[in-house]
Amino acid sequence: MDKTSQRPKKALIIGCGIAGPATALFLKRGGIDSVIYEADKQTDDYAGLFLNLARNGLQVLDELGIGDQVRREGYALHTMKMVSGKGKLLGNVGQSSGEPQGYTIKRGLLHKILRDEALRQGIAIEYGKKLKDIETNEPHLVKVSFEDGTSATGDLLIGCDGIQSRVRRMVMPTAPGPAYTGLITFGGFLRSHTIPYEPGIQTMVFGKRAFFGYLARESKEVYWFGNMDYPGEPTRKELQGIPQAEWYKTINTLYANDIAPLPEIVRSMKEEIGVYPIYDMPSLPEWHVKSVVLVGDAVHATSPNAGQGASLALEDAAVLAKCLRDIPDIERAFREFQELRRERVERIVQYSRSIGRRKHATSPVQVFFRDLMMPLFLKSASKDAQRWMYDYQIKWNERISI
């Protein structure tokens, strides 16, 4: 029998965020049909805050022919400027000239770009499909049922349903889950004619009580976020259930005595503040079980410090599709996918954790040593030192041989 005839014909994809549509698009290029199932009942193009899509992630979107849409909608990021709580410049990451490190884009817009391209190419997306059960009893076959009473059958299932993945919990019930870091992130958008526009620069401030980041676009729109310690193990739903008036009061108090323009930014907020817990994901020993595989945050979520979460998910999508295109046996393709991705992913996760540890010094002694050592750390994080991360490329037309 011709080995190509054994290639899977249909993939079931759980989750329509970033990894889901990207995986479906690459699978289609590899000759594999898919259907995307999303738990939410409808799209929300304004959900979430914003993210940094690094060069390596943008290269994946260029392969799909949609990278320029991100460039048009996003903000070119050349330099991250690091400033102490006293206003002292600690150093910069990146260079003001040359190719941007990446683009900052609203999360909802990135979701929409990917989703619209999937629909344009005839990939089905079904909403209101909250996963209820997964059956993998028959070889090379997987069946899923949803809480609305419907079901679907395919050759394989791809879990693209994020850090709180239901797919992971169902097929790997004993695997470690995400751990709350003790921090929450919050932020939003506002329009201001007084916050200075610095082309290509995102400013990060180690505030007196909490970390703060912001950028101002030429359109006078300001993107901002902060991190703070928060006790217990709050869920996203619990945090969003706290009245906005309380968040306004808390965040204004948090940055009231910081350098300009932090107090002005938080005082100027009129729109809703988004609030989310920050989780860290331990390394999983396996990324797949039988005909089910995990992709993106479902298997290797990284903290937002390195700005690589979306890019890693996009890389996963391309590499998994290549493996399924070139390796007829599904489980063997999954093993190769894990082998090709694990070392790089775990290196970036660890790098992101190292940045996070430097951000949250609070005692005077910790602050002194952080500000003393930060310039040395930033120098080591120069453009050339980070080429392994930002200039990584996936060559779609190269075959995978094992």
Protein backbone atom coordinates (compact mmCIF):
# COMPACT_ATOMS: atom_id res chain seq x y z
CA MET A 1 0.00 0.00 0.00
CA ASP A 2 1.23 3.49 -0.83
CA LYS A 3 2.25 5.07 2.47
CA THR A 4 0.73 8.40 1.52
CA SER A 5 -2.70 6.75 1.54
CA GLN A 6 -2.30 6.18 5.29
CA ARG A 7 -2.03 9.88 5.99
CA PRO A 8 -4.83 11.07 8.30
CA LYS A 9 -7.80 12.50 6.42
CA LYS A 10 -9.52 14.48 9.18
CA ALA A 11 -8.32 16.27 12.31
CA LEU A 12 -10.51 17.50 15.14
CA ILE A 13 -9.10 20.72 16.62
CA ILE A 14 -10.25 21.91 20.03
CA GLY A 15 -9.85 25.67 20.49
CA CYS A 16 -10.06 28.64 18.12
CA GLY A 17 -7.51 31.03 19.64
CA ILE A 18 -4.08 31.27 18.01
CA ALA A 19 -2.85 27.68 17.76
CA GLY A 20 -6.14 26.23 16.51
CA PRO A 21 -6.64 28.20 13.28
CA ALA A 22 -2.89 28.21 12.53
CA THR A 23 -2.73 24.42 12.86
CA ALA A 24 -5.79 24.01 10.66
CA LEU A 25 -4.27 26.24 7.96
CA PHE A 26 -1.00 24.32 7.89
CA LEU A 27 -2.80 20.97 7.91
CA LYS A 28 -4.79 22.09 4.89
CA ARG A 29 -1.54 22.89 3.08
CA GLY A 30 -0.38 19.40 3.99
CA GLY A 31 -3.48 17.77 2.52
CA ILE A 32 -5.32 17.12 5.80
CA ASP A 33 -8.83 18.43 6.45
CA SER A 34 -9.86 19.68 9.88
CA VAL A 35 -12.75 21.13 11.84
CA ILE A 36 -12.21 23.62 14.68
CA TYR A 37 -14.45 23.36 17.75
CA GLU A 38 -14.67 26.39 20.05
CA ALA A 39 -16.31 26.33 23.50
CA ASP A 40 -17.40 29.98 23.39
CA LYS A 41 -20.75 30.54 21.75
CA GLN A 42 -19.59 33.49 19.66
CA THR A 43 -16.46 35.41 18.73
CA ASP A 44 -15.22 38.37 20.74
CA ASP A 45 -12.75 40.48 18.77
CA TYR A 46 -12.12 42.67 21.84
CA ALA A 47 -11.29 39.88 24.27
CA GLY A 48 -8.00 40.05 26.16
CA LEU A 49 -5.33 42.71 26.16
CA PHE A 50 -2.38 42.71 23.79
CA LEU A 51 0.66 40.58 23.10
CA ASN A 52 4.05 40.76 21.47
CA LEU A 53 4.36 38.66 18.35
CA ALA A 54 8.09 38.16 17.89
CA ARG A 55 9.97 37.84 14.59
CA ASN A 56 9.95 34.07 14.78
CA GLY A 57 6.16 34.02 15.09
CA LEU A 58 5.73 36.57 12.33
CA GLN A 59 7.83 34.38 10.03
CA VAL A 60 5.26 31.60 10.51
CA LEU A 61 2.43 33.97 9.59
CA ASP A 62 4.40 35.07 6.52
CA GLU A 63 4.46 31.41 5.46
CA LEU A 64 0.66 31.47 5.67
CA GLY A 65 0.51 34.74 3.73
CA ILE A 66 -1.01 36.82 6.55
CA GLY A 67 2.04 38.38 8.20
CA ASP A 68 1.47 41.77 6.55
CA GLN A 69 -1.96 42.04 8.17
CA VAL A 70 -0.27 41.89 11.57
CA ARG A 71 2.25 44.51 10.49
CA ARG A 72 -0.58 46.84 9.43
CA GLU A 73 -2.63 46.35 12.59
CA GLY A 74 0.26 46.13 15.04
CA TYR A 75 2.96 48.37 16.46
CA ALA A 76 6.52 47.70 15.32
CA LEU A 77 8.63 46.95 18.40
CA HIS A 78 12.33 47.69 18.07
CA THR A 79 13.38 48.37 21.66
CA MET A 80 12.24 47.59 25.18
CA LYS A 81 13.49 50.39 27.42
CA MET A 82 14.03 49.34 31.05
CA VAL A 83 13.74 52.06 33.72
CA SER A 84 14.18 51.88 37.50
CA GLY A 85 11.58 53.11 39.97
CA LYS A 86 13.65 56.30 40.36
CA GLY A 87 13.64 57.00 36.63
CA LYS A 88 17.18 55.75 35.92
CA LEU A 89 17.68 54.06 32.54
CA LEU A 90 18.86 50.51 33.25
CA GLY A 91 19.32 49.57 29.62
CA ASN A 92 17.61 48.58 26.39
CA VAL A 93 16.78 45.29 24.73
CA GLY A 94 16.91 45.49 20.95
CA GLN A 95 18.10 48.15 18.52
CA SER A 96 16.37 51.22 17.16
CA SER A 97 17.29 50.42 13.56
CA GLY A 98 16.91 47.37 11.38
CA GLU A 99 14.19 44.74 11.50
CA PRO A 100 11.79 45.01 14.46
CA GLN A 101 11.98 42.41 17.21
CA GLY A 102 8.31 41.89 16.53
CA TYR A 103 4.93 43.58 16.62
CA THR A 104 2.63 44.40 19.50
CA ILE A 105 -0.97 43.65 18.55
CA LYS A 106 -4.30 43.39 20.33
CA ARG A 107 -4.98 39.74 21.08
CA GLY A 108 -8.49 39.88 19.65
CA LEU A 109 -7.20 41.27 16.36
CA LEU A 110 -4.67 38.47 15.99
CA HIS A 111 -7.42 35.92 16.68
CA LYS A 112 -9.59 37.57 14.03
CA ILE A 113 -6.83 37.58 11.38
CA LEU A 114 -6.23 33.86 11.87
CA ARG A 115 -9.91 32.99 12.10
CA ASP A 116 -10.84 34.97 8.99
CA GLU A 117 -8.11 33.29 6.97
CA ALA A 118 -9.28 29.86 8.10
CA LEU A 119 -12.84 30.68 7.05
CA ARG A 120 -11.64 32.13 3.75
CA GLN A 121 -9.95 28.82 3.00
CA GLY A 122 -13.10 26.85 3.77
CA ILE A 123 -12.09 25.49 7.19
CA ALA A 124 -15.16 24.89 9.35
CA ILE A 125 -15.39 26.51 12.79
CA GLU A 126 -18.17 25.39 15.13
CA TYR A 127 -19.04 27.44 18.24
CA GLY A 128 -20.64 26.51 21.54
CA LYS A 129 -18.78 23.18 21.52
CA LYS A 130 -17.70 22.64 25.12
CA LEU A 131 -15.81 19.37 25.34
CA LYS A 132 -17.46 16.63 27.39
CA ASP A 133 -15.59 13.41 26.59
CA ILE A 134 -12.85 11.92 24.42
CA GLU A 135 -12.78 8.28 23.27
CA THR A 136 -9.60 6.73 21.86
CA ASN A 137 -10.50 3.04 22.18
CA GLU A 138 -10.14 2.21 18.49
CA PRO A 139 -6.72 2.46 16.78
CA HIS A 140 -6.26 5.54 14.57
CA LEU A 141 -9.67 6.87 15.54
CA VAL A 142 -10.87 9.44 18.03
CA LYS A 143 -14.39 10.43 18.99
CA VAL A 144 -15.38 13.49 20.97
CA SER A 145 -18.68 14.46 22.52
CA PHE A 146 -19.79 17.93 23.50
CA GLU A 147 -22.03 19.24 26.23
CA ASP A 148 -24.66 20.29 23.68
CA GLY A 149 -25.27 16.61 22.87
CA THR A 150 -23.38 16.50 19.57
CA SER A 151 -20.32 14.42 18.71
CA ALA A 152 -17.61 14.17 16.07
CA THR A 153 -15.18 11.54 14.81
CA GLY A 154 -11.78 11.95 13.19
CA ASP A 155 -8.38 10.36 12.67
CA LEU A 156 -6.74 12.52 15.34
CA LEU A 157 -7.49 15.19 17.92
CA ILE A 158 -5.36 18.30 18.50
CA GLY A 159 -5.75 20.13 21.81
CA CYS A 160 -5.28 23.86 21.20
CA ASP A 161 -7.39 24.90 24.16
CA GLY A 162 -4.90 26.85 26.25
CA ILE A 163 -3.29 26.59 29.64
CA GLN A 164 -6.46 25.29 31.33
CA SER A 165 -6.83 22.66 28.58
CA ARG A 166 -9.75 20.26 28.98
CA VAL A 167 -8.12 17.97 26.44
CA ARG A 168 -5.03 17.66 28.65
CA ARG A 169 -7.08 16.93 31.76
CA MET A 170 -9.07 14.24 29.96
CA VAL A 171 -6.28 12.33 28.25
CA MET A 172 -3.55 12.98 30.85
CA PRO A 173 -5.43 13.04 34.17
CA THR A 174 -2.28 12.47 36.25
CA ALA A 175 -0.15 15.09 34.45
CA PRO A 176 0.80 18.19 36.44
CA GLY A 177 -1.40 21.17 35.74
CA PRO A 178 -0.57 24.87 35.62
CA ALA A 179 0.56 26.49 38.86
CA TYR A 180 -0.46 29.98 39.92
CA THR A 181 2.63 32.20 40.20
CA GLY A 182 1.24 34.47 42.92
CA LEU A 183 0.96 37.32 40.41
CA ILE A 184 -1.83 38.81 38.37
CA THR A 185 -1.59 40.96 35.27
CA PHE A 186 -3.91 43.82 34.41
CA GLY A 187 -4.07 46.48 31.76
CA GLY A 188 -6.02 48.24 29.08
CA PHE A 189 -6.12 50.89 26.39
CA LEU A 190 -6.71 54.63 26.45
CA ARG A 191 -6.37 57.66 24.23
CA SER A 192 -4.01 60.41 25.36
CA HIS A 193 -2.39 63.43 23.74
CA THR A 194 0.07 63.91 26.62
CA ILE A 195 1.83 60.52 26.81
CA PRO A 196 4.91 60.90 24.57
CA TYR A 197 5.03 58.84 21.38
CA GLU A 198 8.42 57.14 21.04
CA PRO A 199 8.52 55.20 17.75
CA GLY A 200 9.39 51.54 18.17
CA ILE A 201 9.80 51.72 21.95
CA GLN A 202 7.96 49.90 24.70
CA THR A 203 8.86 51.22 28.16
CA MET A 204 9.13 48.90 31.16
CA VAL A 205 9.29 50.47 34.63
CA PHE A 206 10.28 48.69 37.83
CA GLY A 207 7.86 50.72 39.93
CA LYS A 208 8.13 51.21 43.67
CA ARG A 209 5.43 48.65 44.40
CA ALA A 210 4.79 46.87 41.10
CA PHE A 211 6.02 46.42 37.55
CA PHE A 212 4.50 48.53 34.75
CA GLY A 213 4.82 48.56 30.95
CA TYR A 214 3.41 50.87 28.30
CA LEU A 215 3.70 52.09 24.73
CA ALA A 216 2.11 55.01 22.92
CA ARG A 217 1.11 54.72 19.27
CA GLU A 218 1.21 57.56 16.77
CA SER A 219 -2.60 57.45 16.78
CA LYS A 220 -2.44 58.60 20.46
CA GLU A 221 -3.66 55.23 21.69
CA VAL A 222 -1.76 53.96 24.74
CA TYR A 223 -1.37 50.27 25.58
CA TRP A 224 -0.46 49.57 29.21
CA PHE A 225 -0.17 46.69 31.67
CA GLY A 226 1.03 45.98 35.18
CA ASN A 227 1.77 43.03 37.47
CA MET A 228 1.12 42.73 41.18
CA ASP A 229 1.22 40.13 43.93
CA TYR A 230 -2.18 38.65 44.68
CA PRO A 231 -2.88 36.08 47.42
CA GLY A 232 -4.61 32.72 47.09
CA GLU A 233 -5.27 31.06 43.76
CA PRO A 234 -7.75 33.31 42.01
CA THR A 235 -9.45 32.20 38.81
CA ARG A 236 -9.94 34.50 35.86
CA LYS A 237 -13.69 34.48 36.55
CA GLU A 238 -13.17 35.48 40.18
CA LEU A 239 -10.89 38.39 39.28
CA GLN A 240 -13.26 39.64 36.60
CA GLY A 241 -16.12 39.43 39.10
CA ILE A 242 -14.55 42.18 41.23
CA PRO A 243 -16.18 45.55 40.39
CA GLN A 244 -14.21 47.79 38.08
CA ALA A 245 -14.39 50.61 40.63
CA GLU A 246 -12.33 48.48 43.02
CA TRP A 247 -9.70 47.77 40.38
CA TYR A 248 -9.45 51.48 39.51
CA LYS A 249 -8.89 52.30 43.18
CA THR A 250 -6.36 49.50 43.74
CA ILE A 251 -4.28 50.25 40.65
CA ASN A 252 -4.30 54.01 41.18
CA THR A 253 -3.04 53.48 44.72
CA LEU A 254 -0.39 51.03 43.50
CA TYR A 255 1.26 53.55 41.14
CA ALA A 256 0.34 56.86 42.81
CA ASN A 257 3.93 57.61 43.89
CA ASP A 258 5.73 56.34 40.80
CA ILE A 259 7.54 58.34 38.14
CA ALA A 260 5.67 60.00 35.27
CA PRO A 261 3.74 59.07 33.24
CA LEU A 262 2.59 56.03 35.27
CA PRO A 263 0.20 57.87 37.61
CA GLU A 264 -1.27 59.80 34.69
CA ILE A 265 -1.89 56.64 32.64
CA VAL A 266 -3.79 54.84 35.37
CA ARG A 267 -5.72 57.99 36.35
CA SER A 268 -6.78 58.49 32.74
CA MET A 269 -8.38 55.06 32.36
CA LYS A 270 -12.06 55.26 31.41
CA GLU A 271 -12.48 51.90 29.67
CA GLU A 272 -12.61 48.46 31.25
CA ILE A 273 -9.46 47.11 32.90
CA GLY A 274 -8.70 43.51 32.03
CA VAL A 275 -7.40 41.36 34.91
CA TYR A 276 -5.92 37.85 34.64
CA PRO A 277 -3.98 35.44 36.88
CA ILE A 278 -0.50 34.45 35.68
CA TYR A 279 0.24 30.73 35.58
CA ASP A 280 3.36 28.73 34.96
CA MET A 281 3.30 25.31 33.33
CA PRO A 282 5.68 22.51 34.37
CA SER A 283 7.27 20.44 31.64
CA LEU A 284 5.14 17.44 30.68
CA PRO A 285 6.86 14.10 30.03
CA GLU A 286 4.63 13.39 27.04
CA TRP A 287 2.77 15.69 24.69
CA HIS A 288 0.51 13.04 23.17
CA VAL A 289 -1.60 9.98 23.99
CA LYS A 290 -2.67 7.60 21.21
CA SER A 291 -4.39 9.78 18.58
CA VAL A 292 -4.43 12.94 20.72
CA VAL A 293 -1.71 15.62 20.82
CA LEU A 294 -1.36 18.93 22.65
CA VAL A 295 -0.15 22.17 21.08
CA GLY A 296 0.82 25.62 22.36
CA ASP A 297 -0.19 26.71 25.86
CA ALA A 298 -2.02 23.43 26.41
CA VAL A 299 1.36 21.69 26.77
CA HIS A 300 4.08 24.29 27.36
CA ALA A 301 2.64 27.61 28.49
CA THR A 302 5.31 30.20 29.15
CA SER A 303 4.96 33.26 31.34
CA PRO A 304 4.47 36.51 29.36
CA ASN A 305 7.90 37.91 30.32
CA ALA A 306 9.70 36.84 27.13
CA GLY A 307 6.81 37.70 24.78
CA GLN A 308 7.04 34.29 23.11
CA GLY A 309 3.76 32.52 23.94
CA ALA A 310 1.96 33.28 20.68
CA SER A 311 5.08 32.72 18.59
CA LEU A 312 5.73 29.29 20.12
CA ALA A 313 2.12 28.28 19.43
CA LEU A 314 2.51 29.30 15.79
CA GLU A 315 5.78 27.40 15.50
CA ASP A 316 4.08 24.32 16.98
CA ALA A 317 1.32 24.55 14.38
CA ALA A 318 3.77 24.51 11.48
CA VAL A 319 6.01 21.75 12.85
CA LEU A 320 3.11 19.45 13.79
CA ALA A 321 1.56 19.85 10.34
CA LYS A 322 4.91 19.04 8.71
CA CYS A 323 5.24 15.89 10.82
CA LEU A 324 1.73 14.72 9.92
CA ARG A 325 2.35 15.55 6.26
CA ASP A 326 5.61 13.62 6.05
CA ILE A 327 5.16 10.73 8.52
CA PRO A 328 2.22 8.42 7.68
CA ASP A 329 1.86 6.90 11.17
CA ILE A 330 0.07 9.37 13.46
CA GLU A 331 1.67 8.35 16.75
CA ARG A 332 5.11 8.32 15.18
CA ALA A 333 4.43 11.79 13.79
CA PHE A 334 3.46 12.97 17.28
CA ARG A 335 6.68 11.57 18.75
CA GLU A 336 8.74 13.38 16.14
CA PHE A 337 6.84 16.61 16.78
CA GLN A 338 7.65 16.39 20.49
CA GLU A 339 11.30 15.55 19.76
CA LEU A 340 11.69 18.50 17.40
CA ARG A 341 10.06 21.02 19.73
CA ARG A 342 10.89 20.11 23.32
CA GLU A 343 14.45 21.48 23.70
CA ARG A 344 13.66 24.87 22.16
CA VAL A 345 10.39 25.30 24.03
CA GLU A 346 11.86 24.42 27.43
CA ARG A 347 14.80 26.77 26.88
CA ILE A 348 12.42 29.67 26.20
CA VAL A 349 10.19 28.78 29.16
CA GLN A 350 13.23 28.86 31.44
CA TYR A 351 14.46 32.13 29.94
CA SER A 352 11.06 33.70 30.56
CA ARG A 353 11.10 32.54 34.19
CA SER A 354 14.53 34.12 34.69
CA ILE A 355 13.16 37.48 33.51
CA GLY A 356 10.19 37.16 35.83
CA ARG A 357 12.39 36.65 38.87
CA ARG A 358 14.14 39.95 38.17
CA LYS A 359 10.91 41.92 37.75
CA HIS A 360 9.42 41.49 41.19
CA ALA A 361 11.99 42.67 43.69
CA THR A 362 10.28 44.57 46.49
CA SER A 363 12.60 44.99 49.50
CA PRO A 364 15.23 47.78 49.41
CA VAL A 365 18.05 45.22 49.31
CA GLN A 366 16.45 43.29 46.44
CA VAL A 367 15.85 46.52 44.51
CA PHE A 368 19.46 47.66 45.03
CA PHE A 369 20.97 44.46 43.66
CA ARG A 370 18.43 44.19 40.83
CA ASP A 371 19.18 47.71 39.61
CA LEU A 372 22.90 47.03 40.00
CA MET A 373 22.83 43.78 38.01
CA MET A 374 20.09 44.58 35.49
CA PRO A 375 22.37 46.49 33.05
CA LEU A 376 24.64 43.45 32.87
CA PHE A 377 21.67 41.15 32.27
CA LEU A 378 20.29 43.44 29.55
CA LYS A 379 23.66 43.59 27.85
CA SER A 380 23.68 39.79 27.70
CA ALA A 381 20.18 39.97 26.18
CA SER A 382 21.38 42.03 23.23
CA LYS A 383 20.14 41.43 19.71
CA ASP A 384 22.98 39.08 18.78
CA ALA A 385 22.70 37.08 22.01
CA GLN A 386 19.01 36.37 21.34
CA ARG A 387 19.27 35.35 17.70
CA TRP A 388 18.61 31.73 18.72
CA MET A 389 15.15 32.83 19.85
CA TYR A 390 14.09 35.52 17.40
CA ASP A 391 15.68 34.31 14.15
CA TYR A 392 14.49 30.70 14.37
CA GLN A 393 12.87 29.65 11.10
CA ILE A 394 10.68 26.74 10.04
CA LYS A 395 11.13 25.81 6.39
CA TRP A 396 7.78 24.45 5.28
CA ASN A 397 9.05 23.01 1.97
CA GLU A 398 11.78 20.91 3.63
CA ARG A 399 10.72 17.34 4.25
CA ILE A 400 11.03 15.68 7.66
CA SER A 401 13.01 12.47 7.47
CA ILE A 402 13.33 9.97 10.31
